[in-house]
N, C-alpha and C. Protein backbone atom coordinates (compact mmCIF):
# COMPACT_ATOMS: atom_id res chain seq x y z
N MET A 1 125.56 114.45 99.45
CA MET A 1 124.22 114.60 98.87
C MET A 1 123.24 114.20 99.96
N THR A 2 122.31 115.08 100.30
CA THR A 2 121.29 114.77 101.22
C THR A 2 120.12 114.13 100.50
N VAL A 3 119.57 113.26 101.25
CA VAL A 3 118.35 112.47 100.74
C VAL A 3 117.10 113.03 101.42
N PRO A 4 116.11 113.50 100.58
CA PRO A 4 114.89 114.09 101.33
C PRO A 4 114.12 112.93 102.02
N SER A 5 113.52 113.37 103.09
CA SER A 5 112.71 112.41 103.90
C SER A 5 111.51 112.01 103.08
N LEU A 6 110.94 110.95 103.45
CA LEU A 6 109.68 110.49 102.96
C LEU A 6 108.53 111.56 103.15
N LYS A 7 108.59 112.23 104.20
CA LYS A 7 107.61 113.25 104.47
C LYS A 7 107.72 114.49 103.52
N ALA A 8 108.96 114.75 103.23
CA ALA A 8 109.21 115.91 102.32
C ALA A 8 108.75 115.44 100.83
N LEU A 9 109.15 114.17 100.42
CA LEU A 9 108.70 113.70 99.13
C LEU A 9 107.21 113.64 98.90
N VAL A 10 106.52 113.22 100.03
CA VAL A 10 104.99 113.14 100.05
C VAL A 10 104.48 114.58 99.86
N ALA A 11 105.05 115.44 100.66
CA ALA A 11 104.57 116.91 100.63
C ALA A 11 104.77 117.56 99.19
N MET A 12 106.00 117.25 98.57
CA MET A 12 106.23 117.75 97.29
C MET A 12 105.31 117.10 96.35
N ALA A 13 105.02 115.87 96.35
CA ALA A 13 104.17 115.09 95.47
C ALA A 13 102.78 115.71 95.57
N ALA A 14 102.28 115.89 96.81
CA ALA A 14 100.93 116.47 96.95
C ALA A 14 100.91 117.95 96.38
N TRP A 15 101.84 118.71 96.62
CA TRP A 15 101.93 120.04 96.06
C TRP A 15 101.79 119.89 94.47
N MET A 16 102.60 118.97 93.87
CA MET A 16 102.70 118.90 92.46
C MET A 16 101.28 118.52 91.89
N LEU A 17 100.50 117.53 92.56
CA LEU A 17 99.29 117.09 92.14
C LEU A 17 98.28 118.13 92.37
N ALA A 18 98.35 118.83 93.43
CA ALA A 18 97.37 120.01 93.70
C ALA A 18 97.65 121.12 92.76
N SER A 19 98.87 121.36 92.31
CA SER A 19 99.03 122.52 91.37
C SER A 19 98.54 122.20 89.99
N ALA A 20 98.10 121.02 89.67
CA ALA A 20 97.43 120.75 88.38
C ALA A 20 96.19 121.53 88.25
N HIS A 21 95.57 121.70 89.40
CA HIS A 21 94.34 122.62 89.34
C HIS A 21 94.41 124.11 89.33
N ALA A 22 95.77 124.51 89.60
CA ALA A 22 96.00 125.91 89.69
C ALA A 22 96.08 126.41 88.24
N ASP A 23 96.04 127.78 88.16
CA ASP A 23 96.14 128.49 86.84
C ASP A 23 97.48 128.31 86.35
N GLU A 24 98.54 128.06 87.13
CA GLU A 24 99.94 128.06 86.61
C GLU A 24 100.21 126.57 86.46
N PRO A 25 100.99 126.22 85.50
CA PRO A 25 101.44 124.88 85.34
C PRO A 25 102.42 124.47 86.43
N ALA A 26 102.42 123.05 86.69
CA ALA A 26 103.33 122.62 87.61
C ALA A 26 104.74 122.66 87.12
N PRO A 27 105.73 122.92 88.05
CA PRO A 27 107.22 123.16 87.51
C PRO A 27 107.63 121.70 86.95
N GLN A 28 108.43 121.81 85.96
CA GLN A 28 109.01 120.62 85.28
C GLN A 28 110.20 120.11 86.07
N VAL A 29 110.89 121.01 86.58
CA VAL A 29 112.18 120.66 87.35
C VAL A 29 112.38 121.58 88.50
N LEU A 30 112.44 120.98 89.72
CA LEU A 30 112.64 121.91 90.84
C LEU A 30 114.02 122.12 91.15
N TYR A 31 114.73 121.03 91.03
CA TYR A 31 116.25 121.16 91.19
C TYR A 31 116.90 119.91 90.46
N ASP A 32 117.91 120.13 89.76
CA ASP A 32 118.49 119.02 89.04
C ASP A 32 119.98 119.09 89.36
N SER A 33 120.50 118.18 90.24
CA SER A 33 121.88 118.04 90.62
C SER A 33 122.66 117.28 89.48
N GLY A 34 121.97 116.80 88.50
CA GLY A 34 122.63 115.83 87.46
C GLY A 34 122.51 114.38 87.96
N ARG A 35 122.03 114.24 89.13
CA ARG A 35 121.77 112.88 89.70
C ARG A 35 120.24 112.78 90.12
N SER A 36 119.45 113.57 89.65
CA SER A 36 118.00 113.58 90.00
C SER A 36 117.21 112.32 89.60
N VAL A 37 116.33 111.99 90.23
CA VAL A 37 115.63 110.67 90.10
C VAL A 37 114.06 110.88 89.93
N PRO A 38 113.43 110.07 89.21
CA PRO A 38 111.89 110.18 89.14
C PRO A 38 111.24 109.99 90.36
N ILE A 39 110.22 110.54 90.68
CA ILE A 39 109.48 110.48 91.93
C ILE A 39 108.41 109.47 91.75
N SER A 40 108.20 108.88 90.61
CA SER A 40 107.11 107.94 90.36
C SER A 40 106.93 106.86 91.39
N ALA A 41 107.93 106.24 91.81
CA ALA A 41 107.83 105.24 92.68
C ALA A 41 107.15 105.59 94.03
N HIS A 42 107.50 106.85 94.53
CA HIS A 42 106.93 107.41 95.58
C HIS A 42 105.48 107.84 95.41
N ILE A 43 105.18 108.36 94.26
CA ILE A 43 103.78 108.68 94.02
C ILE A 43 102.89 107.60 93.89
N ALA A 44 103.43 106.41 93.51
CA ALA A 44 102.60 105.15 93.46
C ALA A 44 101.90 104.87 94.76
N GLN A 45 102.59 105.27 95.91
CA GLN A 45 101.89 105.13 97.22
C GLN A 45 100.86 105.99 97.40
N LEU A 46 100.88 107.20 96.87
CA LEU A 46 99.84 108.18 96.97
C LEU A 46 98.60 107.89 96.13
N VAL A 47 98.78 107.30 95.02
CA VAL A 47 97.54 106.90 94.23
C VAL A 47 97.00 105.68 94.30
N ALA A 48 97.61 104.85 95.24
CA ALA A 48 97.11 103.45 95.62
C ALA A 48 95.59 103.67 96.05
N GLY A 49 94.91 102.62 95.99
CA GLY A 49 93.54 102.59 96.38
C GLY A 49 92.61 102.92 95.18
N ASP A 50 92.70 102.03 94.11
CA ASP A 50 91.86 102.22 92.92
C ASP A 50 90.34 102.27 93.02
N GLU A 51 90.03 101.68 94.24
CA GLU A 51 88.51 101.72 94.52
C GLU A 51 87.94 102.96 95.03
N GLU A 52 88.87 103.82 95.47
CA GLU A 52 88.38 105.10 95.95
C GLU A 52 88.05 106.14 94.79
N SER A 53 87.05 106.86 94.88
CA SER A 53 86.65 107.75 93.85
C SER A 53 87.56 108.93 93.59
N ASN A 54 88.14 109.39 94.68
CA ASN A 54 89.02 110.56 94.62
C ASN A 54 90.49 110.33 94.38
N VAL A 55 90.87 109.15 94.16
CA VAL A 55 92.27 108.73 94.28
C VAL A 55 93.09 109.39 92.98
N LEU A 56 92.34 109.73 91.86
CA LEU A 56 93.10 110.45 90.86
C LEU A 56 92.73 111.96 90.75
N GLU A 57 92.30 112.57 91.78
CA GLU A 57 91.87 114.02 91.64
C GLU A 57 93.19 114.74 91.52
N GLY A 58 93.12 115.75 90.61
CA GLY A 58 94.18 116.60 90.15
C GLY A 58 95.07 116.06 89.08
N LEU A 59 94.71 114.79 88.57
CA LEU A 59 95.38 114.14 87.36
C LEU A 59 94.64 114.54 86.19
N SER A 60 95.19 115.15 85.13
CA SER A 60 94.50 115.53 83.94
C SER A 60 94.64 114.42 82.98
N PHE A 61 93.53 113.98 82.36
CA PHE A 61 93.66 113.03 81.23
C PHE A 61 93.18 113.72 79.98
N PRO A 62 93.55 113.27 78.81
CA PRO A 62 94.66 112.24 78.59
C PRO A 62 95.93 112.74 78.83
N PHE A 63 96.93 111.93 79.18
CA PHE A 63 98.34 112.27 79.19
C PHE A 63 99.01 111.37 78.32
N ARG A 64 100.04 111.84 77.62
CA ARG A 64 100.74 111.05 76.51
C ARG A 64 102.15 111.14 76.62
N THR A 65 102.88 110.32 75.83
CA THR A 65 104.33 110.22 75.97
C THR A 65 104.91 110.27 74.41
N ARG A 66 106.17 110.56 74.46
CA ARG A 66 106.90 110.51 73.19
C ARG A 66 107.50 109.13 72.92
N LEU A 67 107.36 108.25 73.84
CA LEU A 67 107.88 106.85 73.67
C LEU A 67 106.97 106.16 72.69
N THR A 68 107.47 105.19 72.04
CA THR A 68 106.72 104.48 71.09
C THR A 68 106.48 102.94 71.40
N THR A 69 105.59 102.32 70.66
CA THR A 69 105.36 100.94 70.97
C THR A 69 106.13 100.12 69.91
N LYS A 70 107.40 99.98 70.09
CA LYS A 70 108.19 99.29 69.18
C LYS A 70 109.00 98.33 70.07
N VAL A 71 109.74 97.41 69.28
CA VAL A 71 110.61 96.41 69.99
C VAL A 71 111.99 97.13 70.42
N LEU A 72 112.34 96.86 71.59
CA LEU A 72 113.58 97.41 72.09
C LEU A 72 114.77 96.88 71.22
N GLN A 73 115.47 97.57 70.57
CA GLN A 73 116.60 97.08 69.67
C GLN A 73 117.61 96.29 70.41
N ARG A 74 118.00 96.83 71.57
CA ARG A 74 119.14 96.15 72.33
C ARG A 74 118.65 95.99 73.73
N GLU A 75 118.46 94.79 74.13
CA GLU A 75 118.20 94.43 75.55
C GLU A 75 119.42 94.80 76.41
N GLY A 76 119.13 95.29 77.60
CA GLY A 76 120.08 95.69 78.51
C GLY A 76 120.87 96.94 78.42
N VAL A 77 120.19 97.82 77.62
CA VAL A 77 120.79 99.16 77.39
C VAL A 77 120.80 99.98 78.63
N GLN A 78 121.92 100.64 79.00
CA GLN A 78 121.96 101.44 80.21
C GLN A 78 121.23 102.69 80.11
N VAL A 79 120.27 102.83 80.92
CA VAL A 79 119.29 104.02 80.96
C VAL A 79 119.66 105.01 82.06
N PHE A 80 119.68 104.51 83.31
CA PHE A 80 119.78 105.26 84.56
C PHE A 80 120.98 104.84 85.27
N ASP A 81 121.38 105.65 86.11
CA ASP A 81 122.41 105.33 87.14
C ASP A 81 121.96 104.32 88.08
N ALA A 82 122.49 103.16 88.27
CA ALA A 82 121.93 102.16 89.19
C ALA A 82 121.99 102.53 90.66
N ALA A 83 122.78 103.54 91.10
CA ALA A 83 122.96 103.91 92.41
C ALA A 83 121.66 104.41 92.98
N TRP A 84 120.72 104.93 92.26
CA TRP A 84 119.59 105.49 92.78
C TRP A 84 118.32 104.71 92.64
N LEU A 85 118.34 103.64 91.93
CA LEU A 85 117.21 102.75 91.69
C LEU A 85 117.06 101.68 92.90
N THR A 86 116.08 101.92 93.61
CA THR A 86 115.90 101.01 94.70
C THR A 86 114.91 99.79 94.41
N GLN A 87 114.15 100.03 93.23
CA GLN A 87 113.22 98.90 92.79
C GLN A 87 113.11 99.07 91.23
N PRO A 88 112.78 98.05 90.63
CA PRO A 88 112.55 98.07 89.15
C PRO A 88 111.35 98.90 88.81
N LEU A 89 111.36 99.54 87.58
CA LEU A 89 110.31 100.40 87.14
C LEU A 89 109.85 99.79 85.83
N ALA A 90 108.55 99.38 85.81
CA ALA A 90 107.87 98.85 84.58
C ALA A 90 107.31 100.09 83.78
N VAL A 91 107.83 100.38 82.72
CA VAL A 91 107.30 101.60 82.03
C VAL A 91 106.34 101.21 80.96
N VAL A 92 104.94 101.59 81.23
CA VAL A 92 103.88 101.03 80.36
C VAL A 92 102.93 102.24 80.08
N ALA A 93 102.03 101.94 79.14
CA ALA A 93 100.88 102.76 78.82
C ALA A 93 99.59 102.05 79.19
N ALA A 94 98.50 102.68 79.35
CA ALA A 94 97.22 102.01 79.59
C ALA A 94 96.58 101.60 78.30
N ASP A 95 97.24 100.73 77.58
CA ASP A 95 96.86 100.26 76.30
C ASP A 95 96.85 98.85 76.09
N GLU A 96 96.43 98.31 75.11
CA GLU A 96 96.29 96.82 74.94
C GLU A 96 97.66 96.04 74.93
N LEU A 97 98.66 96.63 74.26
CA LEU A 97 99.94 96.10 74.22
C LEU A 97 100.56 96.09 75.51
N SER A 98 100.59 97.12 76.29
CA SER A 98 101.10 97.10 77.66
C SER A 98 100.42 96.10 78.59
N MET A 99 99.05 96.01 78.41
CA MET A 99 98.31 95.06 79.20
C MET A 99 98.74 93.58 78.97
N ARG A 100 98.92 93.36 77.66
CA ARG A 100 99.40 92.00 77.40
C ARG A 100 100.74 91.73 77.92
N TRP A 101 101.68 92.70 77.84
CA TRP A 101 103.07 92.59 78.32
C TRP A 101 103.02 92.41 79.83
N LEU A 102 102.18 93.16 80.55
CA LEU A 102 101.97 93.11 81.93
C LEU A 102 101.41 91.68 82.40
N ALA A 103 100.46 91.18 81.59
CA ALA A 103 99.94 89.92 81.95
C ALA A 103 101.00 88.78 81.87
N PHE A 104 101.79 88.83 80.78
CA PHE A 104 102.82 87.89 80.52
C PHE A 104 103.93 87.94 81.63
N ASN A 105 104.21 89.19 82.11
CA ASN A 105 105.28 89.32 82.98
C ASN A 105 104.97 89.64 84.49
N HIS A 106 103.71 89.57 84.72
CA HIS A 106 103.14 89.96 85.98
C HIS A 106 103.83 89.21 87.16
N ASP A 107 104.06 87.92 87.05
CA ASP A 107 104.68 87.23 88.21
C ASP A 107 106.11 87.66 88.47
N LYS A 108 106.83 87.84 87.34
CA LYS A 108 108.25 88.30 87.39
C LYS A 108 108.24 89.60 88.07
N LEU A 109 107.42 90.50 87.53
CA LEU A 109 107.34 92.01 88.16
C LEU A 109 107.01 91.90 89.68
N ARG A 110 106.13 91.06 90.05
CA ARG A 110 105.73 91.09 91.46
C ARG A 110 106.83 90.51 92.19
N LYS A 111 107.51 89.45 91.80
CA LYS A 111 108.65 88.82 92.55
C LYS A 111 109.81 90.03 92.67
N LEU A 112 110.04 90.73 91.64
CA LEU A 112 111.05 91.82 91.62
C LEU A 112 110.60 92.93 92.51
N GLY A 113 109.36 93.15 92.82
CA GLY A 113 108.91 94.35 93.58
C GLY A 113 108.87 95.57 92.75
N ALA A 114 108.53 95.45 91.46
CA ALA A 114 108.57 96.47 90.49
C ALA A 114 107.37 97.52 90.76
N VAL A 115 107.61 98.79 90.42
CA VAL A 115 106.61 99.80 90.36
C VAL A 115 106.19 99.94 88.97
N VAL A 116 104.93 100.08 88.67
CA VAL A 116 104.48 100.27 87.29
C VAL A 116 104.26 101.78 87.09
N VAL A 117 105.03 102.24 86.12
CA VAL A 117 104.90 103.80 85.73
C VAL A 117 104.21 103.95 84.53
N VAL A 118 103.17 104.65 84.55
CA VAL A 118 102.18 104.74 83.36
C VAL A 118 102.60 106.06 82.70
N VAL A 119 103.00 105.92 81.48
CA VAL A 119 103.43 107.11 80.72
C VAL A 119 102.37 107.70 79.77
N GLN A 120 101.36 106.80 79.59
CA GLN A 120 100.18 107.33 78.64
C GLN A 120 98.85 106.71 79.08
N ALA A 121 97.81 107.56 79.25
CA ALA A 121 96.47 107.03 79.45
C ALA A 121 95.41 108.02 78.86
N LYS A 122 94.47 107.35 78.25
CA LYS A 122 93.48 108.23 77.63
C LYS A 122 92.47 108.83 78.61
N ASP A 123 92.09 108.05 79.78
CA ASP A 123 91.23 108.60 80.78
C ASP A 123 91.35 107.82 82.08
N ALA A 124 90.65 108.42 83.10
CA ALA A 124 90.82 107.81 84.40
C ALA A 124 90.35 106.36 84.48
N LYS A 125 89.39 105.98 83.65
CA LYS A 125 88.94 104.55 83.65
C LYS A 125 89.95 103.62 83.11
N ALA A 126 90.73 104.05 81.98
CA ALA A 126 91.73 103.21 81.54
C ALA A 126 92.87 103.03 82.67
N PHE A 127 93.22 104.18 83.31
CA PHE A 127 94.18 104.20 84.29
C PHE A 127 93.95 103.21 85.43
N LYS A 128 92.60 103.38 85.94
CA LYS A 128 92.15 102.51 87.06
C LYS A 128 92.09 101.04 86.64
N LEU A 129 91.71 100.82 85.41
CA LEU A 129 91.68 99.43 84.94
C LEU A 129 93.03 98.79 85.02
N LEU A 130 94.03 99.50 84.57
CA LEU A 130 95.45 99.12 84.62
C LEU A 130 95.89 98.80 86.06
N GLN A 131 95.48 99.83 86.93
CA GLN A 131 95.78 99.71 88.26
C GLN A 131 95.22 98.41 88.94
N GLN A 132 94.05 98.10 88.67
CA GLN A 132 93.28 96.94 89.15
C GLN A 132 94.10 95.67 88.57
N PHE A 133 94.33 95.68 87.28
CA PHE A 133 95.00 94.58 86.54
C PHE A 133 96.20 94.14 87.15
N VAL A 134 97.11 95.09 87.71
CA VAL A 134 98.48 94.77 88.05
C VAL A 134 98.56 94.63 89.57
N LYS A 135 97.46 94.68 90.39
CA LYS A 135 97.70 94.42 91.81
C LYS A 135 98.35 93.20 92.07
N PRO A 136 99.26 93.31 93.05
CA PRO A 136 99.43 94.32 94.07
C PRO A 136 100.54 95.20 93.87
N LEU A 137 100.95 95.29 92.59
CA LEU A 137 102.05 96.26 92.21
C LEU A 137 101.55 97.73 92.38
N GLY A 138 102.53 98.60 92.82
CA GLY A 138 102.17 99.99 92.86
C GLY A 138 102.21 100.57 91.49
N VAL A 139 101.34 101.58 91.20
CA VAL A 139 101.18 102.17 89.94
C VAL A 139 101.26 103.72 90.19
N ALA A 140 101.95 104.40 89.18
CA ALA A 140 102.04 105.84 89.35
C ALA A 140 102.04 106.38 87.93
N PRO A 141 101.49 107.51 87.73
CA PRO A 141 101.55 108.31 86.46
C PRO A 141 102.88 109.05 86.31
N GLU A 142 103.40 109.06 85.11
CA GLU A 142 104.64 109.81 84.78
C GLU A 142 104.23 110.96 83.84
N LEU A 143 104.08 112.13 84.48
CA LEU A 143 103.53 113.24 83.62
C LEU A 143 104.59 114.11 83.11
N SER A 144 105.71 114.02 83.51
CA SER A 144 106.88 114.90 83.03
C SER A 144 107.53 114.20 81.79
N PRO A 145 108.29 114.91 80.96
CA PRO A 145 109.04 114.28 79.82
C PRO A 145 110.37 113.74 80.28
N TRP A 146 110.68 113.79 81.52
CA TRP A 146 112.10 113.30 82.04
C TRP A 146 112.39 111.95 81.74
N MET A 147 111.49 111.02 82.15
CA MET A 147 111.83 109.62 81.94
C MET A 147 111.88 109.30 80.44
N ALA A 148 111.01 109.75 79.62
CA ALA A 148 110.87 109.52 78.28
C ALA A 148 112.18 110.09 77.58
N SER A 149 112.63 111.23 77.97
CA SER A 149 113.75 111.77 77.41
C SER A 149 115.07 110.91 77.71
N ARG A 150 115.14 110.56 78.91
CA ARG A 150 116.28 109.63 79.35
C ARG A 150 116.25 108.33 78.60
N LEU A 151 115.05 107.71 78.43
CA LEU A 151 115.04 106.43 77.73
C LEU A 151 115.41 106.70 76.24
N GLN A 152 114.82 107.76 75.68
CA GLN A 152 115.17 108.07 74.35
C GLN A 152 116.62 108.30 74.04
N ALA A 153 117.23 109.10 74.95
CA ALA A 153 118.67 109.39 74.90
C ALA A 153 119.58 108.16 74.90
N ALA A 154 119.07 107.25 75.62
CA ALA A 154 119.79 105.84 75.70
C ALA A 154 119.61 105.00 74.54
N GLY A 155 118.63 105.28 73.73
CA GLY A 155 118.28 104.42 72.70
C GLY A 155 117.20 103.39 73.08
N ALA A 156 116.49 103.68 74.13
CA ALA A 156 115.42 102.73 74.55
C ALA A 156 114.14 103.52 74.68
N GLY A 157 113.78 104.27 73.71
CA GLY A 157 112.56 105.18 73.72
C GLY A 157 111.31 104.38 73.30
N VAL A 158 111.15 103.19 74.01
CA VAL A 158 109.94 102.46 73.71
C VAL A 158 109.28 102.03 75.01
N TYR A 159 108.00 101.56 74.87
CA TYR A 159 107.31 100.93 75.99
C TYR A 159 106.47 99.82 75.33
N PRO A 160 106.24 98.66 76.07
CA PRO A 160 106.49 98.53 77.47
C PRO A 160 108.00 98.09 77.68
N VAL A 161 108.55 98.44 78.83
CA VAL A 161 109.99 98.15 79.14
C VAL A 161 110.09 98.06 80.63
N LEU A 162 111.04 97.29 80.99
CA LEU A 162 111.41 97.31 82.45
C LEU A 162 112.80 97.89 82.71
N VAL A 163 112.94 98.82 83.64
CA VAL A 163 114.17 99.36 83.90
C VAL A 163 114.53 98.64 85.27
N HIS A 164 115.50 97.81 85.28
CA HIS A 164 115.87 97.04 86.49
C HIS A 164 116.74 97.97 87.38
N THR A 165 116.94 97.39 88.55
CA THR A 165 117.82 98.13 89.58
C THR A 165 119.24 98.30 89.12
N ASP A 166 119.66 97.67 87.96
CA ASP A 166 121.02 97.86 87.41
C ASP A 166 120.99 99.06 86.53
N GLY A 167 119.80 99.67 86.29
CA GLY A 167 119.73 100.85 85.43
C GLY A 167 119.53 100.52 83.99
N ARG A 168 119.40 99.27 83.65
CA ARG A 168 119.31 98.74 82.39
C ARG A 168 117.84 98.44 81.92
N ALA A 169 117.67 98.69 80.57
CA ALA A 169 116.17 98.52 80.15
C ALA A 169 116.13 97.09 79.47
N TYR A 170 115.01 96.42 79.79
CA TYR A 170 114.77 95.13 79.22
C TYR A 170 113.24 95.07 78.73
N GLN A 171 112.97 94.41 77.63
CA GLN A 171 111.64 94.21 77.29
C GLN A 171 111.31 92.72 77.35
N VAL A 172 112.26 91.90 77.12
CA VAL A 172 112.13 90.40 77.28
C VAL A 172 112.80 90.12 78.56
N MET A 173 112.02 89.50 79.52
CA MET A 173 112.62 89.11 80.74
C MET A 173 112.72 87.63 80.88
N PHE A 174 113.74 87.24 81.29
CA PHE A 174 114.03 85.73 81.56
C PHE A 174 114.30 85.57 83.04
N GLN A 175 113.67 84.68 83.73
CA GLN A 175 113.79 84.52 85.15
C GLN A 175 114.85 83.49 85.31
N PHE A 176 115.87 83.80 86.19
CA PHE A 176 116.89 82.87 86.56
C PHE A 176 116.69 82.45 87.92
N PRO A 177 117.29 81.29 88.35
CA PRO A 177 117.08 80.78 89.72
C PRO A 177 117.41 81.84 90.77
N SER A 178 118.27 82.73 90.57
CA SER A 178 118.73 83.67 91.51
C SER A 178 117.59 84.79 91.79
N GLY A 179 116.60 84.84 90.87
CA GLY A 179 115.55 85.76 90.91
C GLY A 179 115.87 87.05 90.21
N GLU A 180 116.94 87.07 89.60
CA GLU A 180 117.44 88.33 88.87
C GLU A 180 117.17 88.20 87.41
N ILE A 181 117.02 89.29 86.71
CA ILE A 181 116.89 89.29 85.37
C ILE A 181 118.23 89.49 84.74
N GLN A 182 118.67 88.72 83.76
CA GLN A 182 119.88 88.78 82.96
C GLN A 182 119.72 89.40 81.65
């Protein structure tokens, strides 16, 4: 399996964001080997700089998710293949519940080096507020249904939730001396 270079990923992300202005919708899937991964962590680097006025150009608001704001029924449910997760993903919305969860878990998320993946935001102002709130964590929008469908298929179709590098979803995080979440 070949791993695309960062330059190729950035080019693809830029093309996907730019295509939001085009008359044709952006593609949902470019290629799926069965081991495809979300690009959100890489896009977080592209939308960094919440103080810049053009940082969200090409992003259409509102964007919504099929995930719900419920309690995760089973902590540690396997969602993704751990082989491709290089850093934890905090899956949230730009809403009050997610902001409270982020406030409570901010230090843990920062220590883990998590990327915040926003699956729902009513407008650019709400997205930027969340982006400022979680600094220095990277923040990326998740506009495709891929992540929501994977979470739902695994029985973890809720937010806010952390998908750790072991590929498991957690809503309640306990910090252990090793720095890992159990």
